[in-house]
Amino acid sequence: MTKDIYLIRHGETVFNKLGIVQGSGVDTDLNETGQQQANAFYEMYKEVPFEIVLTSKLKRTHQTVQPFTDKGLAWEQFREINEMSWGEHEGKEYTPERKVQYTAITSEWDKENYDVGMKGGETINELAARCRKFVNQLRQRAEQTILICAHGRLNRCLLCVLLDIPLKHMNDFSHSNTGLNRLQFDGEQFELLTQNDTEHLKIKELTAI
Protein backbone atom coordinates (compact mmCIF):
# COMPACT_ATOMS: atom_id res chain seq x y z
CA MET A 1 0.00 0.00 0.00
CA THR A 2 1.35 3.43 -0.95
CA LYS A 3 1.78 6.11 1.72
CA ASP A 4 2.49 9.82 1.90
CA ILE A 5 4.56 10.56 5.01
CA TYR A 6 5.10 14.02 6.52
CA LEU A 7 7.86 13.84 9.15
CA ILE A 8 8.59 16.95 11.22
CA ARG A 9 10.68 17.92 14.21
CA HIS A 10 8.96 19.55 17.18
CA GLY A 11 8.86 23.34 17.61
CA GLU A 12 11.38 25.30 19.62
CA THR A 13 11.56 24.88 23.40
CA VAL A 14 13.10 27.06 26.09
CA PHE A 15 15.94 24.53 26.37
CA ASN A 16 16.56 24.68 22.60
CA LYS A 17 16.89 28.45 22.90
CA LEU A 18 19.24 28.23 25.90
CA GLY A 19 21.41 25.49 24.42
CA ILE A 20 20.51 22.91 27.08
CA VAL A 21 20.56 19.23 26.15
CA GLN A 22 17.09 17.63 26.24
CA GLY A 23 17.11 14.05 24.98
CA SER A 24 14.46 11.57 26.06
CA GLY A 25 14.76 12.30 29.77
CA VAL A 26 13.81 15.99 29.70
CA ASP A 27 10.15 16.66 28.93
CA THR A 28 10.02 20.37 28.08
CA ASP A 29 7.26 22.59 26.69
CA LEU A 30 7.33 24.68 23.53
CA ASN A 31 8.23 28.33 24.04
CA GLU A 32 6.39 31.19 22.30
CA THR A 33 8.47 30.80 19.15
CA GLY A 34 7.78 27.08 19.13
CA GLN A 35 4.05 27.71 19.36
CA GLN A 36 4.29 30.14 16.45
CA GLN A 37 6.19 27.55 14.42
CA ALA A 38 3.54 24.92 15.17
CA ASN A 39 0.76 27.28 14.15
CA ALA A 40 2.59 28.25 10.95
CA PHE A 41 3.00 24.57 10.01
CA TYR A 42 -0.70 24.01 10.66
CA GLU A 43 -1.75 26.97 8.54
CA MET A 44 0.24 25.74 5.54
CA TYR A 45 -0.68 22.05 5.81
CA LYS A 46 -4.16 22.04 7.37
CA GLU A 47 -5.74 21.09 4.05
CA VAL A 48 -3.61 17.96 3.64
CA PRO A 49 -5.94 14.98 4.19
CA PHE A 50 -4.00 13.49 7.10
CA GLU A 51 -5.65 10.37 8.49
CA ILE A 52 -3.59 10.21 11.68
CA VAL A 53 -0.76 11.92 13.53
CA LEU A 54 1.94 9.87 15.27
CA THR A 55 4.16 11.45 17.93
CA SER A 56 6.68 10.52 20.56
CA LYS A 57 5.65 10.34 24.21
CA LEU A 58 7.19 13.76 24.93
CA LYS A 59 5.19 16.97 25.34
CA ARG A 60 7.10 19.03 22.82
CA THR A 61 5.83 16.81 20.00
CA HIS A 62 2.28 16.78 21.38
CA GLN A 63 2.19 20.57 21.54
CA THR A 64 3.58 20.91 18.02
CA VAL A 65 0.71 18.95 16.46
CA GLN A 66 -1.96 20.23 18.86
CA PRO A 67 -3.57 22.47 16.19
CA PHE A 68 -4.33 19.28 14.26
CA THR A 69 -5.46 17.15 17.20
CA ASP A 70 -7.64 19.98 18.53
CA LYS A 71 -9.54 19.73 15.25
CA GLY A 72 -10.13 16.03 15.80
CA LEU A 73 -7.29 14.36 13.91
CA ALA A 74 -6.63 10.87 15.29
CA TRP A 75 -3.45 10.67 17.37
CA GLU A 76 -1.18 7.90 18.65
CA GLN A 77 2.01 8.09 20.74
CA PHE A 78 5.08 5.88 20.38
CA ARG A 79 7.96 5.54 22.81
CA GLU A 80 9.99 4.17 19.88
CA ILE A 81 10.31 7.69 18.46
CA ASN A 82 11.26 9.46 21.68
CA GLU A 83 14.45 11.49 21.33
CA MET A 84 17.77 9.74 21.82
CA SER A 85 18.89 9.43 25.43
CA TRP A 86 21.96 11.60 25.99
CA GLY A 87 22.54 10.15 29.47
CA GLU A 88 24.32 12.37 31.97
CA HIS A 89 24.32 15.32 29.53
CA GLU A 90 20.53 15.73 29.65
CA GLY A 91 19.28 18.88 31.33
CA LYS A 92 22.75 20.44 31.20
CA GLU A 93 24.12 23.33 29.18
CA TYR A 94 25.97 22.47 25.97
CA THR A 95 29.33 23.80 27.18
CA PRO A 96 32.61 23.70 25.21
CA GLU A 97 33.66 20.69 27.33
CA ARG A 98 30.46 18.83 26.50
CA LYS A 99 30.84 19.79 22.84
CA VAL A 100 34.24 18.04 22.83
CA GLN A 101 32.64 14.90 24.27
CA TYR A 102 29.77 15.10 21.78
CA THR A 103 32.14 15.53 18.84
CA ALA A 104 34.20 12.55 19.99
CA ILE A 105 31.08 10.38 20.04
CA THR A 106 29.75 11.56 16.67
CA SER A 107 33.16 11.05 15.05
CA GLU A 108 32.96 7.42 16.17
CA TRP A 109 29.56 7.18 14.49
CA ASP A 110 31.11 8.60 11.32
CA LYS A 111 33.54 5.64 11.48
CA GLU A 112 30.54 3.29 11.80
CA ASN A 113 31.23 2.52 15.45
CA TYR A 114 27.58 2.55 16.50
CA ASP A 115 28.03 0.89 19.88
CA VAL A 116 29.21 4.06 21.61
CA GLY A 117 27.08 6.68 23.33
CA MET A 118 27.18 9.29 26.05
CA LYS A 119 27.68 7.92 29.56
CA GLY A 120 24.33 6.63 30.77
CA GLY A 121 22.74 7.19 27.36
CA GLU A 122 21.86 5.21 24.26
CA THR A 123 24.10 4.04 21.46
CA ILE A 124 23.14 4.65 17.85
CA ASN A 125 22.55 0.92 17.42
CA GLU A 126 20.01 1.07 20.25
CA LEU A 127 18.36 4.13 18.73
CA ALA A 128 18.25 2.51 15.29
CA ALA A 129 16.62 -0.60 16.77
CA ARG A 130 13.80 1.61 18.08
CA CYS A 131 13.49 3.28 14.69
CA ARG A 132 13.31 -0.06 12.87
CA LYS A 133 10.55 -1.24 15.17
CA PHE A 134 8.59 1.91 14.44
CA VAL A 135 9.15 1.65 10.67
CA ASN A 136 8.00 -1.97 10.66
CA GLN A 137 4.75 -0.83 12.28
CA LEU A 138 4.50 2.12 9.89
CA ARG A 139 4.73 -0.16 6.86
CA GLN A 140 1.78 -2.19 8.13
CA ARG A 141 -0.55 0.71 8.91
CA ALA A 142 -3.71 1.11 6.85
CA GLU A 143 -3.52 4.92 6.70
CA GLN A 144 -2.05 6.38 3.53
CA THR A 145 -1.44 10.01 4.55
CA ILE A 146 0.38 10.27 7.88
CA LEU A 147 1.87 13.13 9.91
CA ILE A 148 4.73 12.19 12.26
CA CYS A 149 6.28 14.54 14.82
CA ALA A 150 9.49 13.54 16.57
CA HIS A 151 12.96 14.90 17.39
CA GLY A 152 16.24 16.06 15.86
CA ARG A 153 18.62 13.14 16.34
CA LEU A 154 15.76 10.66 16.22
CA ASN A 155 14.64 12.01 12.83
CA ARG A 156 18.17 11.81 11.45
CA CYS A 157 18.39 8.16 12.45
CA LEU A 158 14.83 7.46 11.33
CA LEU A 159 15.50 8.87 7.87
CA CYS A 160 18.47 6.53 7.46
CA VAL A 161 16.28 3.59 8.43
CA LEU A 162 13.40 4.68 6.19
CA LEU A 163 15.73 5.14 3.21
CA ASP A 164 17.76 2.01 4.02
CA ILE A 165 21.09 3.86 3.99
CA PRO A 166 24.05 3.53 6.39
CA LEU A 167 23.64 5.26 9.73
CA LYS A 168 26.87 7.23 9.15
CA HIS A 169 24.79 9.46 6.84
CA MET A 170 22.67 10.78 9.75
CA ASN A 171 24.41 14.13 9.74
CA ASP A 172 23.60 14.63 6.06
CA PHE A 173 20.08 15.52 7.24
CA SER A 174 19.37 18.97 8.67
CA HIS A 175 16.68 19.29 11.33
CA SER A 176 15.21 22.74 11.97
CA ASN A 177 12.35 23.12 14.42
CA THR A 178 9.19 22.05 12.51
CA GLY A 179 11.31 21.35 9.42
CA LEU A 180 9.38 19.01 7.10
CA ASN A 181 10.72 15.82 5.56
CA ARG A 182 8.23 14.43 3.06
CA LEU A 183 8.48 10.83 1.90
CA GLN A 184 6.48 8.52 -0.34
CA PHE A 185 6.21 4.78 0.17
CA ASP A 186 5.41 2.64 -2.87
CA GLY A 187 4.69 -0.51 -0.91
CA GLU A 188 8.35 -1.57 -0.93
CA GLN A 189 10.63 1.46 -0.52
CA PHE A 190 10.52 4.96 0.90
CA GLU A 191 11.60 7.89 -1.29
CA LEU A 192 12.60 11.26 0.17
CA LEU A 193 10.87 14.07 -1.73
CA THR A 194 11.74 17.09 0.42
CA GLN A 195 14.14 17.50 3.35
CA ASN A 196 13.89 20.01 6.20
CA ASP A 197 11.43 22.23 4.30
CA THR A 198 10.75 25.39 6.33
CA GLU A 199 8.71 27.37 3.81
CA HIS A 200 5.87 27.58 6.34
CA LEU A 201 8.08 29.74 8.58
CA LYS A 202 8.56 32.40 5.91
CA ILE A 203 5.47 34.35 6.83
CA LYS A 204 5.34 37.86 8.21
CA GLU A 205 4.76 36.86 11.83
CA LEU A 206 7.88 34.66 11.86
CA THR A 207 10.41 36.84 10.06
CA ALA A 208 12.43 37.08 13.28
CA ILE A 209 12.91 33.31 13.65
C-alpha atoms as a PDB file:
ATOM      1  CA  MET A   1       0.000   0.000   0.000  1.00  0.00           C
ATOM      2  CA  THR A   2       1.354   3.431  -0.947  1.00  0.00           C
ATOM      3  CA  LYS A   3       1.782   6.107   1.721  1.00  0.00           C
ATOM      4  CA  ASP A   4       2.489   9.822   1.902  1.00  0.00           C
ATOM      5  CA  ILE A   5       4.557  10.563   5.013  1.00  0.00           C
ATOM      6  CA  TYR A   6       5.102  14.018   6.520  1.00  0.00           C
ATOM      7  CA  LEU A   7       7.859  13.840   9.154  1.00  0.00           C
ATOM      8  CA  ILE A   8       8.588  16.950  11.225  1.00  0.00           C
ATOM      9  CA  ARG A   9      10.684  17.920  14.207  1.00  0.00           C
ATOM     10  CA  HIS A  10       8.959  19.554  17.184  1.00  0.00           C
ATOM     11  CA  GLY A  11       8.858  23.338  17.613  1.00  0.00           C
ATOM     12  CA  GLU A  12      11.384  25.302  19.622  1.00  0.00           C
ATOM     13  CA  THR A  13      11.557  24.885  23.399  1.00  0.00           C
ATOM     14  CA  VAL A  14      13.103  27.062  26.095  1.00  0.00           C
ATOM     15  CA  PHE A  15      15.943  24.526  26.373  1.00  0.00           C
ATOM     16  CA  ASN A  16      16.556  24.677  22.599  1.00  0.00           C
ATOM     17  CA  LYS A  17      16.889  28.447  22.904  1.00  0.00           C
ATOM     18  CA  LEU A  18      19.237  28.226  25.897  1.00  0.00           C
ATOM     19  CA  GLY A  19      21.414  25.487  24.422  1.00  0.00           C
ATOM     20  CA  ILE A  20      20.512  22.913  27.079  1.00  0.00           C
ATOM     21  CA  VAL A  21      20.555  19.233  26.150  1.00  0.00           C
ATOM     22  CA  GLN A  22      17.092  17.631  26.241  1.00  0.00           C
ATOM     23  CA  GLY A  23      17.106  14.052  24.977  1.00  0.00           C
ATOM     24  CA  SER A  24      14.455  11.567  26.065  1.00  0.00           C
ATOM     25  CA  GLY A  25      14.755  12.297  29.774  1.00  0.00           C
ATOM     26  CA  VAL A  26      13.811  15.985  29.699  1.00  0.00           C
ATOM     27  CA  ASP A  27      10.148  16.659  28.932  1.00  0.00           C
ATOM     28  CA  THR A  28      10.018  20.366  28.081  1.00  0.00           C
ATOM     29  CA  ASP A  29       7.261  22.586  26.685  1.00  0.00           C
ATOM     30  CA  LEU A  30       7.333  24.683  23.529  1.00  0.00           C
ATOM     31  CA  ASN A  31       8.233  28.327  24.037  1.00  0.00           C
ATOM     32  CA  GLU A  32       6.391  31.185  22.301  1.00  0.00           C
ATOM     33  CA  THR A  33       8.472  30.802  19.151  1.00  0.00           C
ATOM     34  CA  GLY A  34       7.784  27.077  19.127  1.00  0.00           C
ATOM     35  CA  GLN A  35       4.052  27.705  19.359  1.00  0.00           C
ATOM     36  CA  GLN A  36       4.295  30.141  16.448  1.00  0.00           C
ATOM     37  CA  GLN A  37       6.186  27.552  14.423  1.00  0.00           C
ATOM     38  CA  ALA A  38       3.541  24.924  15.166  1.00  0.00           C
ATOM     39  CA  ASN A  39       0.757  27.278  14.150  1.00  0.00           C
ATOM     40  CA  ALA A  40       2.589  28.246  10.949  1.00  0.00           C
ATOM     41  CA  PHE A  41       2.996  24.575  10.006  1.00  0.00           C
ATOM     42  CA  TYR A  42      -0.698  24.014  10.664  1.00  0.00           C
ATOM     43  CA  GLU A  43      -1.746  26.970   8.543  1.00  0.00           C
ATOM     44  CA  MET A  44       0.242  25.739   5.545  1.00  0.00           C
ATOM     45  CA  TYR A  45      -0.680  22.054   5.805  1.00  0.00           C
ATOM     46  CA  LYS A  46      -4.158  22.044   7.374  1.00  0.00           C
ATOM     47  CA  GLU A  47      -5.740  21.086   4.053  1.00  0.00           C
ATOM     48  CA  VAL A  48      -3.613  17.960   3.638  1.00  0.00           C
ATOM     49  CA  PRO A  49      -5.940  14.981   4.192  1.00  0.00           C
ATOM     50  CA  PHE A  50      -3.995  13.491   7.104  1.00  0.00           C
ATOM     51  CA  GLU A  51      -5.650  10.371   8.492  1.00  0.00           C
ATOM     52  CA  ILE A  52      -3.594  10.211  11.677  1.00  0.00           C
ATOM     53  CA  VAL A  53      -0.760  11.920  13.525  1.00  0.00           C
ATOM     54  CA  LEU A  54       1.942   9.872  15.265  1.00  0.00           C
ATOM     55  CA  THR A  55       4.161  11.453  17.927  1.00  0.00           C
ATOM     56  CA  SER A  56       6.675  10.516  20.565  1.00  0.00           C
ATOM     57  CA  LYS A  57       5.648  10.342  24.209  1.00  0.00           C
ATOM     58  CA  LEU A  58       7.194  13.758  24.926  1.00  0.00           C
ATOM     59  CA  LYS A  59       5.188  16.975  25.340  1.00  0.00           C
ATOM     60  CA  ARG A  60       7.103  19.025  22.823  1.00  0.00           C
ATOM     61  CA  THR A  61       5.835  16.812  20.003  1.00  0.00           C
ATOM     62  CA  HIS A  62       2.282  16.780  21.376  1.00  0.00           C
ATOM     63  CA  GLN A  63       2.186  20.575  21.543  1.00  0.00           C
ATOM     64  CA  THR A  64       3.579  20.911  18.017  1.00  0.00           C
ATOM     65  CA  VAL A  65       0.705  18.952  16.463  1.00  0.00           C
ATOM     66  CA  GLN A  66      -1.956  20.228  18.855  1.00  0.00           C
ATOM     67  CA  PRO A  67      -3.575  22.474  16.194  1.00  0.00           C
ATOM     68  CA  PHE A  68      -4.334  19.275  14.260  1.00  0.00           C
ATOM     69  CA  THR A  69      -5.463  17.152  17.204  1.00  0.00           C
ATOM     70  CA  ASP A  70      -7.635  19.980  18.526  1.00  0.00           C
ATOM     71  CA  LYS A  71      -9.537  19.732  15.245  1.00  0.00           C
ATOM     72  CA  GLY A  72     -10.131  16.028  15.804  1.00  0.00           C
ATOM     73  CA  LEU A  73      -7.287  14.359  13.907  1.00  0.00           C
ATOM     74  CA  ALA A  74      -6.633  10.874  15.293  1.00  0.00           C
ATOM     75  CA  TRP A  75      -3.447  10.673  17.372  1.00  0.00           C
ATOM     76  CA  GLU A  76      -1.180   7.898  18.652  1.00  0.00           C
ATOM     77  CA  GLN A  77       2.010   8.092  20.736  1.00  0.00           C
ATOM     78  CA  PHE A  78       5.082   5.884  20.384  1.00  0.00           C
ATOM     79  CA  ARG A  79       7.965   5.538  22.807  1.00  0.00           C
ATOM     80  CA  GLU A  80       9.992   4.173  19.876  1.00  0.00           C
ATOM     81  CA  ILE A  81      10.311   7.690  18.456  1.00  0.00           C
ATOM     82  CA  ASN A  82      11.259   9.460  21.681  1.00  0.00           C
ATOM     83  CA  GLU A  83      14.450  11.490  21.328  1.00  0.00           C
ATOM     84  CA  MET A  84      17.773   9.737  21.820  1.00  0.00           C
ATOM     85  CA  SER A  85      18.894   9.426  25.431  1.00  0.00           C
ATOM     86  CA  TRP A  86      21.963  11.600  25.992  1.00  0.00           C
ATOM     87  CA  GLY A  87      22.539  10.150  29.470  1.00  0.00           C
ATOM     88  CA  GLU A  88      24.325  12.370  31.969  1.00  0.00           C
ATOM     89  CA  HIS A  89      24.315  15.322  29.532  1.00  0.00           C
ATOM     90  CA  GLU A  90      20.530  15.728  29.653  1.00  0.00           C
ATOM     91  CA  GLY A  91      19.284  18.877  31.329  1.00  0.00           C
ATOM     92  CA  LYS A  92      22.746  20.445  31.203  1.00  0.00           C
ATOM     93  CA  GLU A  93      24.125  23.329  29.182  1.00  0.00           C
ATOM     94  CA  TYR A  94      25.970  22.471  25.974  1.00  0.00           C
ATOM     95  CA  THR A  95      29.332  23.795  27.185  1.00  0.00           C
ATOM     96  CA  PRO A  96      32.609  23.695  25.206  1.00  0.00           C
ATOM     97  CA  GLU A  97      33.656  20.689  27.326  1.00  0.00           C
ATOM     98  CA  ARG A  98      30.463  18.828  26.499  1.00  0.00           C
ATOM     99  CA  LYS A  99      30.844  19.788  22.845  1.00  0.00           C
ATOM    100  CA  VAL A 100      34.244  18.042  22.835  1.00  0.00           C
ATOM    101  CA  GLN A 101      32.636  14.899  24.275  1.00  0.00           C
ATOM    102  CA  TYR A 102      29.768  15.104  21.780  1.00  0.00           C
ATOM    103  CA  THR A 103      32.144  15.531  18.843  1.00  0.00           C
ATOM    104  CA  ALA A 104      34.205  12.552  19.987  1.00  0.00           C
ATOM    105  CA  ILE A 105      31.076  10.383  20.037  1.00  0.00           C
ATOM    106  CA  THR A 106      29.748  11.563  16.667  1.00  0.00           C
ATOM    107  CA  SER A 107      33.157  11.054  15.047  1.00  0.00           C
ATOM    108  CA  GLU A 108      32.955   7.420  16.175  1.00  0.00           C
ATOM    109  CA  TRP A 109      29.556   7.176  14.493  1.00  0.00           C
ATOM    110  CA  ASP A 110      31.109   8.595  11.317  1.00  0.00           C
ATOM    111  CA  LYS A 111      33.536   5.645  11.478  1.00  0.00           C
ATOM    112  CA  GLU A 112      30.541   3.286  11.803  1.00  0.00           C
ATOM    113  CA  ASN A 113      31.227   2.518  15.448  1.00  0.00           C
ATOM    114  CA  TYR A 114      27.585   2.554  16.497  1.00  0.00           C
ATOM    115  CA  ASP A 115      28.030   0.893  19.881  1.00  0.00           C
ATOM    116  CA  VAL A 116      29.212   4.058  21.611  1.00  0.00           C
ATOM    117  CA  GLY A 117      27.082   6.675  23.328  1.00  0.00           C
ATOM    118  CA  MET A 118      27.177   9.286  26.052  1.00  0.00           C
ATOM    119  CA  LYS A 119      27.677   7.919  29.564  1.00  0.00           C
ATOM    120  CA  GLY A 120      24.328   6.628  30.773  1.00  0.00           C
ATOM    121  CA  GLY A 121      22.745   7.191  27.358  1.00  0.00           C
ATOM    122  CA  GLU A 122      21.862   5.209  24.259  1.00  0.00           C
ATOM    123  CA  THR A 123      24.104   4.042  21.458  1.00  0.00           C
ATOM    124  CA  ILE A 124      23.139   4.651  17.847  1.00  0.00           C
ATOM    125  CA  ASN A 125      22.551   0.918  17.418  1.00  0.00           C
ATOM    126  CA  GLU A 126      20.014   1.073  20.249  1.00  0.00           C
ATOM    127  CA  LEU A 127      18.364   4.135  18.728  1.00  0.00           C
ATOM    128  CA  ALA A 128      18.252   2.509  15.292  1.00  0.00           C
ATOM    129  CA  ALA A 129      16.623  -0.598  16.771  1.00  0.00           C
ATOM    130  CA  ARG A 130      13.796   1.606  18.084  1.00  0.00           C
ATOM    131  CA  CYS A 131      13.487   3.281  14.689  1.00  0.00           C
ATOM    132  CA  ARG A 132      13.313  -0.063  12.866  1.00  0.00           C
ATOM    133  CA  LYS A 133      10.555  -1.244  15.172  1.00  0.00           C
ATOM    134  CA  PHE A 134       8.592   1.914  14.443  1.00  0.00           C
ATOM    135  CA  VAL A 135       9.153   1.645  10.672  1.00  0.00           C
ATOM    136  CA  ASN A 136       7.996  -1.968  10.664  1.00  0.00           C
ATOM    137  CA  GLN A 137       4.753  -0.826  12.279  1.00  0.00           C
ATOM    138  CA  LEU A 138       4.495   2.122   9.890  1.00  0.00           C
ATOM    139  CA  ARG A 139       4.728  -0.155   6.862  1.00  0.00           C
ATOM    140  CA  GLN A 140       1.780  -2.187   8.126  1.00  0.00           C
ATOM    141  CA  ARG A 141      -0.550   0.714   8.908  1.00  0.00           C
ATOM    142  CA  ALA A 142      -3.714   1.114   6.855  1.00  0.00           C
ATOM    143  CA  GLU A 143      -3.520   4.916   6.701  1.00  0.00           C
ATOM    144  CA  GLN A 144      -2.052   6.381   3.527  1.00  0.00           C
ATOM    145  CA  THR A 145      -1.436  10.013   4.554  1.00  0.00           C
ATOM    146  CA  ILE A 146       0.385  10.265   7.882  1.00  0.00           C
ATOM    147  CA  LEU A 147       1.875  13.129   9.909  1.00  0.00           C
ATOM    148  CA  ILE A 148       4.732  12.190  12.255  1.00  0.00           C
ATOM    149  CA  CYS A 149       6.283  14.541  14.815  1.00  0.00           C
ATOM    150  CA  ALA A 150       9.489  13.538  16.570  1.00  0.00           C
ATOM    151  CA  HIS A 151      12.957  14.904  17.391  1.00  0.00           C
ATOM    152  CA  GLY A 152      16.244  16.063  15.863  1.00  0.00           C
ATOM    153  CA  ARG A 153      18.624  13.136  16.341  1.00  0.00           C
ATOM    154  CA  LEU A 154      15.761  10.660  16.217  1.00  0.00           C
ATOM    155  CA  ASN A 155      14.637  12.005  12.834  1.00  0.00           C
ATOM    156  CA  ARG A 156      18.168  11.815  11.455  1.00  0.00           C
ATOM    157  CA  CYS A 157      18.390   8.161  12.445  1.00  0.00           C
ATOM    158  CA  LEU A 158      14.831   7.457  11.332  1.00  0.00           C
ATOM    159  CA  LEU A 159      15.499   8.875   7.866  1.00  0.00           C
ATOM    160  CA  CYS A 160      18.473   6.528   7.461  1.00  0.00           C
ATOM    161  CA  VAL A 161      16.282   3.587   8.428  1.00  0.00           C
ATOM    162  CA  LEU A 162      13.404   4.681   6.189  1.00  0.00           C
ATOM    163  CA  LEU A 163      15.730   5.144   3.214  1.00  0.00           C
ATOM    164  CA  ASP A 164      17.762   2.013   4.017  1.00  0.00           C
ATOM    165  CA  ILE A 165      21.089   3.856   3.988  1.00  0.00           C
ATOM    166  CA  PRO A 166      24.052   3.526   6.391  1.00  0.00           C
ATOM    167  CA  LEU A 167      23.645   5.265   9.729  1.00  0.00           C
ATOM    168  CA  LYS A 168      26.872   7.228   9.146  1.00  0.00           C
ATOM    169  CA  HIS A 169      24.789   9.464   6.843  1.00  0.00           C
ATOM    170  CA  MET A 170      22.672  10.778   9.745  1.00  0.00           C
ATOM    171  CA  ASN A 171      24.408  14.135   9.744  1.00  0.00           C
ATOM    172  CA  ASP A 172      23.602  14.633   6.061  1.00  0.00           C
ATOM    173  CA  PHE A 173      20.085  15.523   7.235  1.00  0.00           C
ATOM    174  CA  SER A 174      19.370  18.968   8.669  1.00  0.00           C
ATOM    175  CA  HIS A 175      16.678  19.287  11.333  1.00  0.00           C
ATOM    176  CA  SER A 176      15.213  22.737  11.969  1.00  0.00           C
ATOM    177  CA  ASN A 177      12.351  23.119  14.421  1.00  0.00           C
ATOM    178  CA  THR A 178       9.194  22.052  12.515  1.00  0.00           C
ATOM    179  CA  GLY A 179      11.313  21.352   9.418  1.00  0.00           C
ATOM    180  CA  LEU A 180       9.381  19.012   7.103  1.00  0.00           C
ATOM    181  CA  ASN A 181      10.717  15.820   5.560  1.00  0.00           C
ATOM    182  CA  ARG A 182       8.226  14.430   3.061  1.00  0.00           C
ATOM    183  CA  LEU A 183       8.481  10.829   1.901  1.00  0.00           C
ATOM    184  CA  GLN A 184       6.481   8.520  -0.342  1.00  0.00           C
ATOM    185  CA  PHE A 185       6.209   4.777   0.169  1.00  0.00           C
ATOM    186  CA  ASP A 186       5.406   2.636  -2.869  1.00  0.00           C
ATOM    187  CA  GLY A 187       4.694  -0.513  -0.913  1.00  0.00           C
ATOM    188  CA  GLU A 188       8.354  -1.568  -0.929  1.00  0.00           C
ATOM    189  CA  GLN A 189      10.626   1.459  -0.519  1.00  0.00           C
ATOM    190  CA  PHE A 190      10.519   4.965   0.903  1.00  0.00           C
ATOM    191  CA  GLU A 191      11.605   7.889  -1.288  1.00  0.00           C
ATOM    192  CA  LEU A 192      12.596  11.260   0.171  1.00  0.00           C
ATOM    193  CA  LEU A 193      10.868  14.073  -1.725  1.00  0.00           C
ATOM    194  CA  THR A 194      11.743  17.093   0.423  1.00  0.00           C
ATOM    195  CA  GLN A 195      14.144  17.496   3.350  1.00  0.00           C
ATOM    196  CA  ASN A 196      13.892  20.007   6.197  1.00  0.00           C
ATOM    197  CA  ASP A 197      11.432  22.227   4.303  1.00  0.00           C
ATOM    198  CA  THR A 198      10.750  25.394   6.335  1.00  0.00           C
ATOM    199  CA  GLU A 199       8.708  27.371   3.811  1.00  0.00           C
ATOM    200  CA  HIS A 200       5.869  27.580   6.335  1.00  0.00           C
ATOM    201  CA  LEU A 201       8.077  29.741   8.579  1.00  0.00           C
ATOM    202  CA  LYS A 202       8.562  32.397   5.910  1.00  0.00           C
ATOM    203  CA  ILE A 203       5.469  34.354   6.826  1.00  0.00           C
ATOM    204  CA  LYS A 204       5.336  37.861   8.206  1.00  0.00           C
ATOM    205  CA  GLU A 205       4.757  36.857  11.830  1.00  0.00           C
ATOM    206  CA  LEU A 206       7.876  34.663  11.862  1.00  0.00           C
ATOM    207  CA  THR A 207      10.412  36.838  10.063  1.00  0.00           C
ATOM    208  CA  ALA A 208      12.434  37.083  13.279  1.00  0.00           C
ATOM    209  CA  ILE A 209      12.908  33.306  13.652  1.00  0.00           C
END
